[in-house]
């Protein structure tokens, strides 16, 4: 057994402060174990959100020593116990109480993205045919557990609070899963540029770094979406082609 100090943020939307708690930790414990131990022994009213304790529900997201992490997947033996371990709620979202934040904004954002729109079936039995490689491309994005750690670490949301202008990396991944789906025919490129604010992302890859499911958020989702936006709105050759087609169409209409 080792004595450790955990500096846990206590408060609500009106404000709060870090409070130190000492507790004994042992081999194999994770941060969530220590929080539960402190809750049971010293702070019965400590609010903390959790569910599976297996890294699959995404509920126990917090900031451990300033880094967004799942508390249930952060081993205590990987931390420096010579100084207090700070545990704080995610900073990108409003505080409700103690370690619990209001993440409902994320679900409102999800509703704004065009839903999956499949093309008509292409087989007599009413099913579709697609290449396995196309299926594999989007399968990675389905691993997301919606812990919102990528949203929390994103400086656009965390530091600049552009929640009304930027949907964040989690929902760029969601949009990529739809845009790259071999059956989907909806067009989300204009919305990505305008309503969803993809231009705010400067591809620092911090979201990829904190993802507990190891989704390659930046390289496999955000950059390909940015390329689609650039091809449509900023490619000079594509602009000339569109201008030529528009001009040709007007001339045809005029002769008619």
Protein backbone atom coordinates (compact mmCIF):
# COMPACT_ATOMS: atom_id res chain seq x y z
CA UNK A 1 0.00 0.00 0.00
CA UNK A 2 1.14 3.53 -0.84
CA UNK A 3 -0.25 6.80 0.47
CA UNK A 4 -1.20 9.19 -2.33
CA UNK A 5 -2.80 12.61 -2.53
CA UNK A 6 -5.50 13.38 -5.07
CA UNK A 7 -6.43 17.00 -5.70
CA UNK A 8 -10.03 16.79 -6.94
CA UNK A 9 -12.07 19.70 -8.29
CA UNK A 10 -15.18 20.30 -6.18
CA UNK A 11 -17.83 22.76 -7.23
CA UNK A 12 -20.57 23.49 -9.73
CA UNK A 13 -21.47 25.98 -12.46
CA UNK A 14 -21.03 28.81 -9.99
CA UNK A 15 -17.38 27.99 -9.31
CA UNK A 16 -15.26 25.69 -7.22
CA UNK A 17 -11.74 24.73 -6.17
CA UNK A 18 -9.37 21.80 -5.90
CA UNK A 19 -9.63 19.86 -2.64
CA UNK A 20 -6.88 17.49 -1.48
CA UNK A 21 -7.71 13.97 -0.33
CA UNK A 22 -5.24 11.38 0.90
CA UNK A 23 -5.94 7.71 0.35
CA UNK A 24 -4.08 4.43 0.12
CA UNK A 25 -3.47 2.99 -3.34
CA UNK A 26 -2.26 -0.44 -4.29
CA UNK A 27 -0.95 -2.28 -7.30
CA UNK A 28 -3.42 -2.59 -10.17
CA UNK A 29 -5.59 0.36 -9.21
CA UNK A 30 -6.78 2.91 -11.75
CA UNK A 31 -7.73 6.53 -11.07
CA UNK A 32 -11.42 5.69 -10.98
CA UNK A 33 -10.73 3.18 -8.16
CA UNK A 34 -9.07 5.93 -6.13
CA UNK A 35 -11.97 8.32 -6.78
CA UNK A 36 -14.47 5.68 -5.66
CA UNK A 37 -12.39 4.99 -2.56
CA UNK A 38 -12.30 8.69 -1.68
CA UNK A 39 -16.03 8.91 -2.36
CA UNK A 40 -16.72 5.99 0.00
CA UNK A 41 -14.37 7.03 2.79
CA UNK A 42 -14.03 10.81 2.77
CA UNK A 43 -16.40 12.55 0.35
CA UNK A 44 -19.74 10.78 0.12
CA UNK A 45 -21.23 13.66 -1.90
CA UNK A 46 -18.52 13.65 -4.60
CA UNK A 47 -20.21 13.59 -8.02
CA UNK A 48 -18.57 11.44 -10.68
CA UNK A 49 -20.00 9.90 -13.82
CA UNK A 50 -19.06 6.31 -14.67
CA UNK A 51 -20.62 3.08 -15.91
CA UNK A 52 -18.69 0.14 -17.34
CA UNK A 53 -15.20 0.67 -15.86
CA UNK A 54 -13.87 -1.13 -18.93
CA UNK A 55 -13.03 1.73 -21.28
CA UNK A 56 -16.06 1.15 -23.49
CA UNK A 57 -18.84 3.45 -22.26
CA UNK A 58 -16.93 6.74 -22.34
CA UNK A 59 -18.62 7.97 -19.16
CA UNK A 60 -15.69 8.64 -16.82
CA UNK A 61 -13.91 11.24 -18.94
CA UNK A 62 -11.96 13.78 -16.91
CA UNK A 63 -8.65 15.61 -16.89
CA UNK A 64 -5.90 13.83 -14.99
CA UNK A 65 -2.89 16.06 -14.38
CA UNK A 66 -4.26 18.36 -17.08
CA UNK A 67 -4.62 15.68 -19.76
CA UNK A 68 -8.05 14.45 -20.97
CA UNK A 69 -8.30 10.76 -20.06
CA UNK A 70 -10.70 7.99 -19.14
CA UNK A 71 -10.26 7.55 -15.39
CA UNK A 72 -10.96 3.82 -15.66
CA UNK A 73 -8.10 3.35 -18.13
CA UNK A 74 -5.51 5.51 -16.35
CA UNK A 75 -3.32 3.31 -14.18
CA UNK A 76 -2.10 4.85 -10.93
CA UNK A 77 1.31 3.19 -11.23
CA UNK A 78 1.88 5.30 -14.36
CA UNK A 79 1.47 8.54 -12.40
CA UNK A 80 3.98 10.47 -10.31
CA UNK A 81 2.68 10.05 -6.75
CA UNK A 82 5.37 12.23 -5.22
CA UNK A 83 3.02 15.17 -5.80
CA UNK A 84 -0.79 15.47 -5.77
CA UNK A 85 -2.60 13.93 -8.74
CA UNK A 86 -5.06 16.53 -10.03
CA UNK A 87 -8.45 15.36 -11.27
CA UNK A 88 -10.67 17.94 -12.93
CA UNK A 89 -13.82 17.90 -15.09
CA UNK A 90 -13.53 18.38 -18.86
CA UNK A 91 -12.96 22.09 -19.54
CA UNK A 92 -14.66 22.24 -22.92
CA UNK A 93 -18.12 21.73 -21.39
CA UNK A 94 -20.14 23.45 -18.66
CA UNK A 95 -19.69 22.13 -15.14
CA UNK A 96 -22.68 20.53 -13.46
CA UNK A 97 -21.09 19.36 -10.23
CA UNK A 98 -17.63 18.19 -9.23
CA UNK A 99 -16.31 15.91 -11.99
CA UNK A 100 -19.57 15.81 -13.95
CA UNK A 101 -19.99 18.07 -16.99
CA UNK A 102 -22.94 18.84 -19.25
CA UNK A 103 -22.13 17.18 -22.58
CA UNK A 104 -25.63 17.58 -24.07
CA UNK A 105 -24.29 20.06 -26.64
CA UNK A 106 -22.66 17.14 -28.43
CA UNK A 107 -25.97 15.40 -29.00
CA UNK A 108 -27.55 18.58 -30.37
CA UNK A 109 -24.63 18.94 -32.78
CA UNK A 110 -25.07 15.37 -34.01
CA UNK A 111 -28.66 16.12 -35.05
CA UNK A 112 -27.43 18.92 -37.35
CA UNK A 113 -25.43 16.56 -39.56
CA UNK A 114 -27.21 15.10 -42.58
CA UNK A 115 -28.27 11.56 -41.81
CA UNK A 116 -27.22 8.45 -43.68
CA UNK A 117 -28.88 8.51 -47.11
CA UNK A 118 -28.37 5.26 -49.05
CA UNK A 119 -28.56 4.95 -52.81
CA UNK A 120 -31.27 2.67 -54.24
CA UNK A 121 -30.56 -1.09 -53.98
CA UNK A 122 -28.62 -2.41 -56.95
CA UNK A 123 -29.52 -6.11 -56.72
CA UNK A 124 -32.77 -7.91 -57.59
CA UNK A 125 -33.20 -9.03 -53.98
CA UNK A 126 -33.23 -5.42 -52.74
CA UNK A 127 -29.71 -5.47 -51.31
CA UNK A 128 -26.52 -3.58 -52.21
CA UNK A 129 -23.15 -4.57 -53.57
CA UNK A 130 -19.97 -2.84 -52.38
CA UNK A 131 -16.24 -3.41 -52.21
CA UNK A 132 -14.84 -4.74 -48.93
CA UNK A 133 -12.09 -2.12 -49.05
CA UNK A 134 -14.74 0.63 -49.03
CA UNK A 135 -16.40 -0.95 -46.01
CA UNK A 136 -13.07 -1.26 -44.19
CA UNK A 137 -12.34 2.42 -44.73
CA UNK A 138 -15.23 3.59 -42.54
CA UNK A 139 -15.19 0.73 -40.03
CA UNK A 140 -12.52 2.45 -37.92
CA UNK A 141 -14.82 5.41 -37.27
CA UNK A 142 -17.48 3.16 -35.76
CA UNK A 143 -15.17 2.37 -32.83
CA UNK A 144 -15.92 5.77 -31.25
CA UNK A 145 -17.34 5.43 -27.71
CA UNK A 146 -18.32 9.13 -27.51
CA UNK A 147 -16.17 9.85 -24.48
CA UNK A 148 -15.69 13.36 -25.96
CA UNK A 149 -12.04 13.49 -24.94
CA UNK A 150 -11.17 14.62 -28.47
CA UNK A 151 -13.69 17.44 -28.12
CA UNK A 152 -12.21 18.40 -24.77
CA UNK A 153 -8.61 18.58 -25.97
CA UNK A 154 -9.48 20.54 -29.13
CA UNK A 155 -8.26 24.11 -28.63
CA UNK A 156 -11.10 25.50 -30.77
CA UNK A 157 -13.61 24.30 -28.19
CA UNK A 158 -11.44 24.18 -25.05
CA UNK A 159 -9.72 27.57 -25.33
CA UNK A 160 -11.71 29.58 -27.88
CA UNK A 161 -15.21 28.26 -27.09
CA UNK A 162 -16.36 28.17 -30.73
CA UNK A 163 -19.14 25.73 -29.94
CA UNK A 164 -21.67 27.53 -32.14
CA UNK A 165 -19.31 27.57 -35.12
CA UNK A 166 -17.38 24.30 -34.94
CA UNK A 167 -18.68 20.75 -34.48
CA UNK A 168 -15.37 19.36 -33.19
CA UNK A 169 -13.29 16.29 -34.06
CA UNK A 170 -15.81 13.74 -32.78
CA UNK A 171 -18.42 14.91 -35.26
CA UNK A 172 -15.97 15.38 -38.09
CA UNK A 173 -15.31 11.66 -37.57
CA UNK A 174 -19.06 11.04 -37.65
CA UNK A 175 -19.40 13.09 -40.83
CA UNK A 176 -16.47 11.20 -42.38
CA UNK A 177 -18.13 7.87 -41.58
CA UNK A 178 -21.15 9.04 -43.57
CA UNK A 179 -19.33 10.88 -46.37
CA UNK A 180 -17.03 7.92 -47.06
CA UNK A 181 -19.70 5.24 -46.72
CA UNK A 182 -19.95 3.34 -50.03
CA UNK A 183 -23.76 3.52 -50.02
CA UNK A 184 -24.31 7.10 -48.88
CA UNK A 185 -25.29 9.71 -51.48
CA UNK A 186 -25.88 12.81 -49.32
CA UNK A 187 -23.60 15.81 -49.88
CA UNK A 188 -22.20 17.41 -46.71
CA UNK A 189 -19.25 19.31 -48.17
CA UNK A 190 -20.84 22.77 -48.13
CA UNK A 191 -22.07 22.28 -44.56
CA UNK A 192 -18.58 21.14 -43.47
CA UNK A 193 -17.15 24.43 -44.71
CA UNK A 194 -19.88 26.75 -43.50
CA UNK A 195 -22.14 25.45 -40.70
CA UNK A 196 -19.69 22.87 -39.29
CA UNK A 197 -16.56 25.06 -39.36
CA UNK A 198 -13.99 22.52 -40.55
CA UNK A 199 -11.66 25.40 -41.41
CA UNK A 200 -11.08 26.05 -37.71
CA UNK A 201 -9.18 22.78 -37.38
CA UNK A 202 -5.43 23.29 -37.87
CA UNK A 203 -4.63 19.57 -37.66
CA UNK A 204 -2.46 19.58 -34.52
CA UNK A 205 -3.42 15.89 -34.02
CA UNK A 206 -4.08 16.40 -30.30
CA UNK A 207 -7.48 14.72 -30.77
CA UNK A 208 -5.84 11.61 -32.23
CA UNK A 209 -3.42 11.49 -29.31
CA UNK A 210 -6.12 11.33 -26.61
CA UNK A 211 -8.50 8.90 -28.36
CA UNK A 212 -8.81 5.76 -26.18
CA UNK A 213 -9.95 3.73 -29.19
CA UNK A 214 -6.88 4.80 -31.20
CA UNK A 215 -8.95 6.18 -34.08
CA UNK A 216 -6.68 8.04 -36.50
CA UNK A 217 -8.95 11.06 -36.33
CA UNK A 218 -6.78 13.63 -38.08
CA UNK A 219 -5.21 11.63 -40.89
CA UNK A 220 -8.10 9.33 -41.77
CA UNK A 221 -11.13 11.55 -41.14
CA UNK A 222 -10.41 15.28 -40.89
CA UNK A 223 -7.77 15.67 -43.60
CA UNK A 224 -9.79 13.77 -46.26
CA UNK A 225 -12.83 15.95 -45.42
CA UNK A 226 -10.69 19.09 -45.67
CA UNK A 227 -9.49 17.89 -49.09
CA UNK A 228 -13.09 17.59 -50.27
CA UNK A 229 -13.82 21.14 -49.13
CA UNK A 230 -10.67 22.47 -50.80
CA UNK A 231 -11.38 20.63 -54.05
CA UNK A 232 -14.84 22.17 -54.27
CA UNK A 233 -14.27 25.68 -52.99
CA UNK A 234 -10.61 26.53 -53.54
CA UNK A 235 -9.25 24.43 -56.44
CA UNK A 236 -8.63 26.95 -59.29
CA UNK A 237 -9.00 24.30 -62.00
CA UNK A 238 -12.32 23.12 -60.56
CA UNK A 239 -13.49 26.76 -60.42
CA UNK A 240 -12.66 27.24 -64.10
CA UNK A 241 -14.54 24.06 -65.01
CA UNK A 242 -17.61 25.21 -63.08
CA UNK A 243 -17.41 28.65 -64.67
CA UNK A 244 -17.12 27.11 -68.14
CA UNK A 245 -20.12 24.86 -67.53
CA UNK A 246 -22.15 27.75 -66.19
CA UNK A 247 -21.27 29.94 -69.16
CA UNK A 248 -22.00 27.14 -71.62
CA UNK A 249 -25.35 26.53 -69.98
CA UNK A 250 -26.29 30.22 -70.17
CA UNK A 251 -25.35 30.36 -73.85
CA UNK A 252 -27.45 27.26 -74.57
CA UNK A 253 -30.40 28.83 -72.74
CA UNK A 254 -29.97 32.06 -74.69
CA UNK A 255 -30.04 30.29 -78.07
CA UNK A 256 -33.12 28.35 -77.04
